[in-house]
Amino acid sequence: MSRPKTGRVKKASTIKEQHHQRRVPTRHLEQIVPARPGLDGRVDQQ
């Protein structure tokens, strides 16, 4: 009983953490783009 419960909790935590982490990098990337448009702009133009 203890083993299956831990697995289920770990799976839910991983999915929730992944969703949160996915949103964090998305916003960070957007902030980094405007922070230095020279590097990002050049890569985008190329």
PDB file of N, CA and C in Angstrom:
ATOM      1  N   MET A   1       0.848  -1.203   0.000  1.00  0.00           N
ATOM      2  CA  MET A   1       0.000   0.000   0.000  1.00  0.00           C
ATOM      3  C   MET A   1       0.891   1.265   0.000  1.00  0.00           C
ATOM      4  N   SER A   2       1.962   1.181   0.751  1.00  0.00           N
ATOM      5  CA  SER A   2       2.846   2.370   0.848  1.00  0.00           C
ATOM      6  C   SER A   2       3.577   2.565  -0.481  1.00  0.00           C
ATOM      7  N   ARG A   3       3.922   1.468  -1.124  1.00  0.00           N
ATOM      8  CA  ARG A   3       4.710   1.605  -2.383  1.00  0.00           C
ATOM      9  C   ARG A   3       3.845   2.233  -3.481  1.00  0.00           C
ATOM     10  N   PRO A   4       2.675   1.760  -3.737  1.00  0.00           N
ATOM     11  CA  PRO A   4       1.841   2.330  -4.827  1.00  0.00           C
ATOM     12  C   PRO A   4       1.452   3.782  -4.516  1.00  0.00           C
ATOM     13  N   LYS A   5       1.225   4.087  -3.258  1.00  0.00           N
ATOM     14  CA  LYS A   5       0.838   5.469  -2.912  1.00  0.00           C
ATOM     15  C   LYS A   5       1.994   6.432  -3.235  1.00  0.00           C
ATOM     16  N   THR A   6       3.187   6.052  -2.882  1.00  0.00           N
ATOM     17  CA  THR A   6       4.347   6.927  -3.146  1.00  0.00           C
ATOM     18  C   THR A   6       4.506   7.131  -4.657  1.00  0.00           C
ATOM     19  N   GLY A   7       4.350   6.060  -5.417  1.00  0.00           N
ATOM     20  CA  GLY A   7       4.505   6.165  -6.882  1.00  0.00           C
ATOM     21  C   GLY A   7       3.485   7.145  -7.445  1.00  0.00           C
ATOM     22  N   ARG A   8       2.284   7.032  -6.999  1.00  0.00           N
ATOM     23  CA  ARG A   8       1.228   7.903  -7.550  1.00  0.00           C
ATOM     24  C   ARG A   8       1.548   9.372  -7.164  1.00  0.00           C
ATOM     25  N   VAL A   9       1.954   9.590  -5.957  1.00  0.00           N
ATOM     26  CA  VAL A   9       2.250  10.966  -5.503  1.00  0.00           C
ATOM     27  C   VAL A   9       3.448  11.511  -6.291  1.00  0.00           C
ATOM     28  N   LYS A  10       4.415  10.665  -6.516  1.00  0.00           N
ATOM     29  CA  LYS A  10       5.619  11.122  -7.249  1.00  0.00           C
ATOM     30  C   LYS A  10       5.221  11.479  -8.688  1.00  0.00           C
ATOM     31  N   LYS A  11       4.374  10.684  -9.270  1.00  0.00           N
ATOM     32  CA  LYS A  11       3.976  10.951 -10.671  1.00  0.00           C
ATOM     33  C   LYS A  11       3.230  12.293 -10.745  1.00  0.00           C
ATOM     34  N   ALA A  12       2.341  12.518  -9.820  1.00  0.00           N
ATOM     35  CA  ALA A  12       1.551  13.769  -9.844  1.00  0.00           C
ATOM     36  C   ALA A  12       2.494  14.958  -9.603  1.00  0.00           C
ATOM     37  N   SER A  13       3.414  14.793  -8.667  1.00  0.00           N
ATOM     38  CA  SER A  13       4.338  15.897  -8.345  1.00  0.00           C
ATOM     39  C   SER A  13       5.202  16.207  -9.576  1.00  0.00           C
ATOM     40  N   THR A  14       5.650  15.165 -10.253  1.00  0.00           N
ATOM     41  CA  THR A  14       6.514  15.382 -11.424  1.00  0.00           C
ATOM     42  C   THR A  14       5.744  16.145 -12.509  1.00  0.00           C
ATOM     43  N   ILE A  15       4.524  15.738 -12.755  1.00  0.00           N
ATOM     44  CA  ILE A  15       3.728  16.398 -13.818  1.00  0.00           C
ATOM     45  C   ILE A  15       3.476  17.862 -13.433  1.00  0.00           C
ATOM     46  N   LYS A  16       3.160  18.072 -12.166  1.00  0.00           N
ATOM     47  CA  LYS A  16       2.872  19.453 -11.721  1.00  0.00           C
ATOM     48  C   LYS A  16       4.155  20.287 -11.798  1.00  0.00           C
ATOM     49  N   GLU A  17       5.253  19.689 -11.376  1.00  0.00           N
ATOM     50  CA  GLU A  17       6.537  20.435 -11.403  1.00  0.00           C
ATOM     51  C   GLU A  17       6.929  20.739 -12.852  1.00  0.00           C
ATOM     52  N   GLN A  18       6.709  19.772 -13.738  1.00  0.00           N
ATOM     53  CA  GLN A  18       7.082  19.992 -15.151  1.00  0.00           C
ATOM     54  C   GLN A  18       6.274  21.157 -15.719  1.00  0.00           C
ATOM     55  N   HIS A  19       4.985  21.197 -15.408  1.00  0.00           N
ATOM     56  CA  HIS A  19       4.130  22.276 -15.937  1.00  0.00           C
ATOM     57  C   HIS A  19       4.625  23.633 -15.427  1.00  0.00           C
ATOM     58  N   HIS A  20       4.963  23.654 -14.142  1.00  0.00           N
ATOM     59  CA  HIS A  20       5.426  24.926 -13.557  1.00  0.00           C
ATOM     60  C   HIS A  20       6.779  25.320 -14.159  1.00  0.00           C
ATOM     61  N   GLN A  21       7.648  24.327 -14.290  1.00  0.00           N
ATOM     62  CA  GLN A  21       8.987  24.637 -14.845  1.00  0.00           C
ATOM     63  C   GLN A  21       8.849  25.082 -16.299  1.00  0.00           C
ATOM     64  N   ARG A  22       7.936  24.503 -17.011  1.00  0.00           N
ATOM     65  CA  ARG A  22       7.777  24.854 -18.437  1.00  0.00           C
ATOM     66  C   ARG A  22       7.349  26.329 -18.535  1.00  0.00           C
ATOM     67  N   ARG A  23       6.553  26.781 -17.644  1.00  0.00           N
ATOM     68  CA  ARG A  23       6.044  28.162 -17.713  1.00  0.00           C
ATOM     69  C   ARG A  23       7.181  29.121 -17.289  1.00  0.00           C
ATOM     70  N   VAL A  24       7.975  28.732 -16.359  1.00  0.00           N
ATOM     71  CA  VAL A  24       9.058  29.611 -15.864  1.00  0.00           C
ATOM     72  C   VAL A  24      10.067  29.911 -16.989  1.00  0.00           C
ATOM     73  N   PRO A  25      10.557  28.880 -17.684  1.00  0.00           N
ATOM     74  CA  PRO A  25      11.542  29.118 -18.745  1.00  0.00           C
ATOM     75  C   PRO A  25      10.930  29.920 -19.895  1.00  0.00           C
ATOM     76  N   THR A  26       9.660  29.718 -20.154  1.00  0.00           N
ATOM     77  CA  THR A  26       9.014  30.451 -21.265  1.00  0.00           C
ATOM     78  C   THR A  26       9.068  31.957 -20.984  1.00  0.00           C
ATOM     79  N   ARG A  27       8.782  32.323 -19.761  1.00  0.00           N
ATOM     80  CA  ARG A  27       8.763  33.757 -19.414  1.00  0.00           C
ATOM     81  C   ARG A  27      10.211  34.262 -19.332  1.00  0.00           C
ATOM     82  N   HIS A  28      11.064  33.451 -18.820  1.00  0.00           N
ATOM     83  CA  HIS A  28      12.475  33.864 -18.691  1.00  0.00           C
ATOM     84  C   HIS A  28      13.059  34.126 -20.085  1.00  0.00           C
ATOM     85  N   LEU A  29      12.712  33.264 -21.026  1.00  0.00           N
ATOM     86  CA  LEU A  29      13.255  33.424 -22.384  1.00  0.00           C
ATOM     87  C   LEU A  29      12.745  34.745 -22.973  1.00  0.00           C
ATOM     88  N   GLU A  30      11.478  35.020 -22.761  1.00  0.00           N
ATOM     89  CA  GLU A  30      10.916  36.274 -23.323  1.00  0.00           C
ATOM     90  C   GLU A  30      11.619  37.482 -22.713  1.00  0.00           C
ATOM     91  N   GLN A  31      11.920  37.383 -21.422  1.00  0.00           N
ATOM     92  CA  GLN A  31      12.584  38.528 -20.763  1.00  0.00           C
ATOM     93  C   GLN A  31      14.032  38.643 -21.251  1.00  0.00           C
ATOM     94  N   ILE A  32      14.659  37.512 -21.533  1.00  0.00           N
ATOM     95  CA  ILE A  32      16.068  37.531 -21.976  1.00  0.00           C
ATOM     96  C   ILE A  32      16.143  38.102 -23.407  1.00  0.00           C
ATOM     97  N   VAL A  33      15.151  37.818 -24.217  1.00  0.00           N
ATOM     98  CA  VAL A  33      15.163  38.291 -25.615  1.00  0.00           C
ATOM     99  C   VAL A  33      15.247  39.821 -25.656  1.00  0.00           C
ATOM    100  N   PRO A  34      14.357  40.517 -24.966  1.00  0.00           N
ATOM    101  CA  PRO A  34      14.389  41.980 -24.982  1.00  0.00           C
ATOM    102  C   PRO A  34      15.602  42.528 -24.216  1.00  0.00           C
ATOM    103  N   ALA A  35      16.066  41.752 -23.253  1.00  0.00           N
ATOM    104  CA  ALA A  35      17.218  42.205 -22.449  1.00  0.00           C
ATOM    105  C   ALA A  35      18.418  42.408 -23.384  1.00  0.00           C
ATOM    106  N   ARG A  36      18.663  41.491 -24.294  1.00  0.00           N
ATOM    107  CA  ARG A  36      19.781  41.659 -25.261  1.00  0.00           C
ATOM    108  C   ARG A  36      19.258  41.297 -26.653  1.00  0.00           C
ATOM    109  N   PRO A  37      18.584  42.214 -27.319  1.00  0.00           N
ATOM    110  CA  PRO A  37      18.029  41.964 -28.653  1.00  0.00           C
ATOM    111  C   PRO A  37      19.130  41.835 -29.701  1.00  0.00           C
ATOM    112  N   GLY A  38      20.322  42.302 -29.388  1.00  0.00           N
ATOM    113  CA  GLY A  38      21.428  42.210 -30.351  1.00  0.00           C
ATOM    114  C   GLY A  38      21.729  40.749 -30.672  1.00  0.00           C
ATOM    115  N   LEU A  39      21.931  39.943 -29.651  1.00  0.00           N
ATOM    116  CA  LEU A  39      22.280  38.527 -29.884  1.00  0.00           C
ATOM    117  C   LEU A  39      21.078  37.781 -30.451  1.00  0.00           C
ATOM    118  N   ASP A  40      19.911  37.966 -29.808  1.00  0.00           N
ATOM    119  CA  ASP A  40      18.704  37.250 -30.270  1.00  0.00           C
ATOM    120  C   ASP A  40      18.285  37.757 -31.657  1.00  0.00           C
ATOM    121  N   GLY A  41      18.360  39.066 -31.855  1.00  0.00           N
ATOM    122  CA  GLY A  41      17.949  39.638 -33.155  1.00  0.00           C
ATOM    123  C   GLY A  41      18.827  39.085 -34.274  1.00  0.00           C
ATOM    124  N   ARG A  42      20.109  38.998 -34.012  1.00  0.00           N
ATOM    125  CA  ARG A  42      21.039  38.530 -35.075  1.00  0.00           C
ATOM    126  C   ARG A  42      20.706  37.057 -35.388  1.00  0.00           C
ATOM    127  N   VAL A  43      20.490  36.284 -34.365  1.00  0.00           N
ATOM    128  CA  VAL A  43      20.205  34.845 -34.593  1.00  0.00           C
ATOM    129  C   VAL A  43      18.888  34.702 -35.349  1.00  0.00           C
ATOM    130  N   ASP A  44      17.915  35.553 -35.024  1.00  0.00           N
ATOM    131  CA  ASP A  44      16.603  35.460 -35.691  1.00  0.00           C
ATOM    132  C   ASP A  44      16.741  35.889 -37.164  1.00  0.00           C
ATOM    133  N   GLN A  45      17.496  36.946 -37.398  1.00  0.00           N
ATOM    134  CA  GLN A  45      17.649  37.421 -38.789  1.00  0.00           C
ATOM    135  C   GLN A  45      18.379  36.381 -39.627  1.00  0.00           C
ATOM    136  N   GLN A  46      19.382  35.749 -39.019  1.00  0.00           N
ATOM    137  CA  GLN A  46      20.157  34.758 -39.777  1.00  0.00           C
ATOM    138  C   GLN A  46      19.227  33.638 -40.156  1.00  0.00           C
TER     139      GLN A  46
END
